[in-house]
Amino acid sequence: MAITAKPGAFYYEKDGVQLGEVTYVENQAENSLVLNHTFVDPSLRGQNIARQLVDEVVNKARAEGKLVQPACRYAAVLFRRFRDEYQDVDTTSQFNQK
């Protein structure tokens, strides 16, 4: 699996073909990354590719001392389902409220 980072996105590529992506925008006012879109080709669904892409954004946020706002439906469900794994960066977590 090859995940490639580009400004505002991470992509999953196989044999030079882009088969998945996660995009985000920086919200400097809240020191966060707004995770706004996740897509994985239907042929790869169920293989945790989308989660790995989301985790790339989460790892970037952690490395930069930022939070993540899970604005896309997939990320929001993932953050709720695995609350303990994401609460340190989740803008909706009670631990990160101002």
Foldseek 3Di string as FASTA:
>chain_A
DDWDDDVQKIFDDDPRDTFWMWGWDADVVQQETETADIGGHPVCPPVCPRVVRVVVRLVVCVVVVAAYEDRYPVSVVVCVVPVVVRLVRYCPHPVNDD
